[in-house]
Amino acid sequence: MEETDLATFETGNVHPFYGTFALGRDVEWACRQFVLNMKDPDEEGIGTFLHINHKSPAMLGDTVIISATVSHLHGNTVDCDFRVMVGDRLVAEGAQGQKILKKEKVERLISDLRRG
């Protein structure tokens, strides 16, 4: 884990631990690997939920291992469970979901939202 992963905001560093927002980014990326292997070139994955339960801190310099497994696969829905470890200590666990959509549908959604 690097300094950019610490819980730091505009007001400064909160503590020397792995920030929840950085943890969220990293577990999203770990779970996205399944979607990248499943989707067709004309498709994209869109996140649907993220649940993180912190169990213990990870400190600057710790080697953090994220393990993700597909827990539910139905149609275009891909849900994953994940565990975050430092050595044999559980740092966090949770779940993340994505849907695989046609890129044209994603673009249509973006256009519709921009139009209001």
C-alpha atoms as a PDB file:
ATOM      1  CA  MET A   1       0.000   0.000   0.000  1.00  0.00           C
ATOM      2  CA  GLU A   2       1.252   3.468  -0.916  1.00  0.00           C
ATOM      3  CA  GLU A   3       0.880   6.949   0.552  1.00  0.00           C
ATOM      4  CA  THR A   4      -1.767   7.857  -2.054  1.00  0.00           C
ATOM      5  CA  ASP A   5      -3.958   5.079  -0.577  1.00  0.00           C
ATOM      6  CA  LEU A   6      -4.114   6.663   2.894  1.00  0.00           C
ATOM      7  CA  ALA A   7      -7.234   8.347   4.258  1.00  0.00           C
ATOM      8  CA  THR A   8      -6.344  11.900   3.243  1.00  0.00           C
ATOM      9  CA  PHE A   9      -8.760  14.709   2.424  1.00  0.00           C
ATOM     10  CA  GLU A  10      -8.544  18.464   1.765  1.00  0.00           C
ATOM     11  CA  THR A  11      -8.083  18.991   5.514  1.00  0.00           C
ATOM     12  CA  GLY A  12      -5.103  16.622   5.638  1.00  0.00           C
ATOM     13  CA  ASN A  13      -4.297  13.063   6.552  1.00  0.00           C
ATOM     14  CA  VAL A  14      -6.793  11.427   8.911  1.00  0.00           C
ATOM     15  CA  HIS A  15      -4.699   8.388   9.867  1.00  0.00           C
ATOM     16  CA  PRO A  16      -1.946   6.192   8.384  1.00  0.00           C
ATOM     17  CA  PHE A  17      -4.376   3.466   7.282  1.00  0.00           C
ATOM     18  CA  TYR A  18      -5.700   2.270   3.917  1.00  0.00           C
ATOM     19  CA  GLY A  19      -8.558   4.653   3.118  1.00  0.00           C
ATOM     20  CA  THR A  20     -11.975   3.169   2.439  1.00  0.00           C
ATOM     21  CA  PHE A  21     -12.201   5.063  -0.857  1.00  0.00           C
ATOM     22  CA  ALA A  22      -8.862   3.590  -2.027  1.00  0.00           C
ATOM     23  CA  LEU A  23      -9.936   0.143  -0.859  1.00  0.00           C
ATOM     24  CA  GLY A  24     -13.171   0.568  -2.821  1.00  0.00           C
ATOM     25  CA  ARG A  25     -11.262   1.524  -5.959  1.00  0.00           C
ATOM     26  CA  ASP A  26      -8.977  -1.475  -5.632  1.00  0.00           C
ATOM     27  CA  VAL A  27     -11.677  -4.079  -4.969  1.00  0.00           C
ATOM     28  CA  GLU A  28     -13.723  -2.652  -7.861  1.00  0.00           C
ATOM     29  CA  TRP A  29     -10.694  -3.211 -10.089  1.00  0.00           C
ATOM     30  CA  ALA A  30     -10.184  -6.764  -8.789  1.00  0.00           C
ATOM     31  CA  CYS A  31     -13.827  -7.653  -9.449  1.00  0.00           C
ATOM     32  CA  ARG A  32     -13.808  -5.924 -12.837  1.00  0.00           C
ATOM     33  CA  GLN A  33     -11.238  -8.441 -14.063  1.00  0.00           C
ATOM     34  CA  PHE A  34     -14.051 -10.993 -14.433  1.00  0.00           C
ATOM     35  CA  VAL A  35     -16.113  -8.606 -16.563  1.00  0.00           C
ATOM     36  CA  LEU A  36     -13.124  -7.774 -18.751  1.00  0.00           C
ATOM     37  CA  ASN A  37     -12.734 -11.481 -19.508  1.00  0.00           C
ATOM     38  CA  MET A  38     -16.466 -12.049 -20.101  1.00  0.00           C
ATOM     39  CA  LYS A  39     -17.614  -9.051 -22.105  1.00  0.00           C
ATOM     40  CA  ASP A  40     -17.618  -8.771 -25.874  1.00  0.00           C
ATOM     41  CA  PRO A  41     -15.818  -5.886 -27.623  1.00  0.00           C
ATOM     42  CA  ASP A  42     -19.145  -4.055 -28.063  1.00  0.00           C
ATOM     43  CA  GLU A  43     -19.987  -4.318 -24.341  1.00  0.00           C
ATOM     44  CA  GLU A  44     -18.960  -2.568 -21.130  1.00  0.00           C
ATOM     45  CA  GLY A  45     -19.354  -3.224 -17.410  1.00  0.00           C
ATOM     46  CA  ILE A  46     -21.216  -0.822 -15.129  1.00  0.00           C
ATOM     47  CA  GLY A  47     -21.004  -1.037 -11.340  1.00  0.00           C
ATOM     48  CA  THR A  48     -24.267  -1.679  -9.488  1.00  0.00           C
ATOM     49  CA  PHE A  49     -23.194  -1.898  -5.837  1.00  0.00           C
ATOM     50  CA  LEU A  50     -20.233  -2.006  -3.500  1.00  0.00           C
ATOM     51  CA  HIS A  51     -20.335  -3.226   0.116  1.00  0.00           C
ATOM     52  CA  ILE A  52     -17.181  -3.015   2.234  1.00  0.00           C
ATOM     53  CA  ASN A  53     -16.871  -4.251   5.804  1.00  0.00           C
ATOM     54  CA  HIS A  54     -13.614  -3.106   7.346  1.00  0.00           C
ATOM     55  CA  LYS A  55     -12.353  -5.585   9.927  1.00  0.00           C
ATOM     56  CA  SER A  56      -8.857  -4.253  10.707  1.00  0.00           C
ATOM     57  CA  PRO A  57      -6.503  -1.569   9.367  1.00  0.00           C
ATOM     58  CA  ALA A  58      -3.794  -1.893   6.768  1.00  0.00           C
ATOM     59  CA  MET A  59      -0.884   0.487   7.243  1.00  0.00           C
ATOM     60  CA  LEU A  60       1.409   2.299   4.867  1.00  0.00           C
ATOM     61  CA  GLY A  61       3.924  -0.192   3.505  1.00  0.00           C
ATOM     62  CA  ASP A  62       1.750  -3.262   4.120  1.00  0.00           C
ATOM     63  CA  THR A  63       1.366  -5.744   1.294  1.00  0.00           C
ATOM     64  CA  VAL A  64      -2.362  -6.004   0.686  1.00  0.00           C
ATOM     65  CA  ILE A  65      -3.775  -9.027  -1.145  1.00  0.00           C
ATOM     66  CA  ILE A  66      -7.251  -8.794  -2.679  1.00  0.00           C
ATOM     67  CA  SER A  67      -9.001 -12.041  -3.632  1.00  0.00           C
ATOM     68  CA  ALA A  68     -12.229 -11.881  -5.602  1.00  0.00           C
ATOM     69  CA  THR A  69     -14.590 -14.673  -6.639  1.00  0.00           C
ATOM     70  CA  VAL A  70     -17.753 -14.643  -8.706  1.00  0.00           C
ATOM     71  CA  SER A  71     -20.652 -15.288  -6.335  1.00  0.00           C
ATOM     72  CA  HIS A  72     -23.565 -14.847  -8.736  1.00  0.00           C
ATOM     73  CA  LEU A  73     -23.713 -14.935 -12.515  1.00  0.00           C
ATOM     74  CA  HIS A  74     -27.103 -14.530 -14.142  1.00  0.00           C
ATOM     75  CA  GLY A  75     -27.735 -13.043 -17.561  1.00  0.00           C
ATOM     76  CA  ASN A  76     -25.732  -9.823 -17.713  1.00  0.00           C
ATOM     77  CA  THR A  77     -25.271  -9.607 -13.923  1.00  0.00           C
ATOM     78  CA  VAL A  78     -21.885 -10.419 -12.386  1.00  0.00           C
ATOM     79  CA  ASP A  79     -21.643 -10.247  -8.581  1.00  0.00           C
ATOM     80  CA  CYS A  80     -18.403 -10.889  -6.704  1.00  0.00           C
ATOM     81  CA  ASP A  81     -17.367 -11.503  -3.127  1.00  0.00           C
ATOM     82  CA  PHE A  82     -13.964 -10.281  -2.039  1.00  0.00           C
ATOM     83  CA  ARG A  83     -11.526 -10.559   0.863  1.00  0.00           C
ATOM     84  CA  VAL A  84      -8.663  -8.187   1.592  1.00  0.00           C
ATOM     85  CA  MET A  85      -5.757  -9.600   3.590  1.00  0.00           C
ATOM     86  CA  VAL A  86      -2.457  -8.466   5.073  1.00  0.00           C
ATOM     87  CA  GLY A  87      -0.647 -11.699   5.772  1.00  0.00           C
ATOM     88  CA  ASP A  88      -3.148 -13.922   7.595  1.00  0.00           C
ATOM     89  CA  ARG A  89      -5.117 -10.928   8.959  1.00  0.00           C
ATOM     90  CA  LEU A  90      -8.485 -10.046   7.418  1.00  0.00           C
ATOM     91  CA  VAL A  91      -8.584  -6.322   6.591  1.00  0.00           C
ATOM     92  CA  ALA A  92     -11.932  -6.223   4.809  1.00  0.00           C
ATOM     93  CA  GLU A  93     -14.542  -8.315   3.071  1.00  0.00           C
ATOM     94  CA  GLY A  94     -17.581  -7.531   1.030  1.00  0.00           C
ATOM     95  CA  ALA A  95     -19.307  -7.732  -2.296  1.00  0.00           C
ATOM     96  CA  GLN A  96     -19.414  -5.853  -5.569  1.00  0.00           C
ATOM     97  CA  GLY A  97     -21.779  -6.052  -8.514  1.00  0.00           C
ATOM     98  CA  GLN A  98     -21.686  -5.162 -12.182  1.00  0.00           C
ATOM     99  CA  LYS A  99     -23.893  -5.462 -15.212  1.00  0.00           C
ATOM    100  CA  ILE A 100     -22.575  -6.016 -18.690  1.00  0.00           C
ATOM    101  CA  LEU A 101     -24.337  -3.744 -21.185  1.00  0.00           C
ATOM    102  CA  LYS A 102     -23.949  -2.979 -24.862  1.00  0.00           C
ATOM    103  CA  LYS A 103     -21.759   0.114 -25.290  1.00  0.00           C
ATOM    104  CA  GLU A 104     -24.515   1.743 -27.362  1.00  0.00           C
ATOM    105  CA  LYS A 105     -26.897   1.373 -24.401  1.00  0.00           C
ATOM    106  CA  VAL A 106     -24.336   2.994 -22.098  1.00  0.00           C
ATOM    107  CA  GLU A 107     -23.911   5.883 -24.562  1.00  0.00           C
ATOM    108  CA  ARG A 108     -27.706   6.269 -24.813  1.00  0.00           C
ATOM    109  CA  LEU A 109     -27.954   6.381 -21.018  1.00  0.00           C
ATOM    110  CA  ILE A 110     -25.242   9.055 -20.856  1.00  0.00           C
ATOM    111  CA  SER A 111     -27.008  11.128 -23.516  1.00  0.00           C
ATOM    112  CA  ASP A 112     -30.377  10.803 -21.783  1.00  0.00           C
ATOM    113  CA  LEU A 113     -28.919  11.895 -18.438  1.00  0.00           C
ATOM    114  CA  ARG A 114     -27.148  14.887 -19.976  1.00  0.00           C
ATOM    115  CA  ARG A 115     -30.378  16.017 -21.656  1.00  0.00           C
ATOM    116  CA  GLY A 116     -32.137  15.812 -18.305  1.00  0.00           C
END
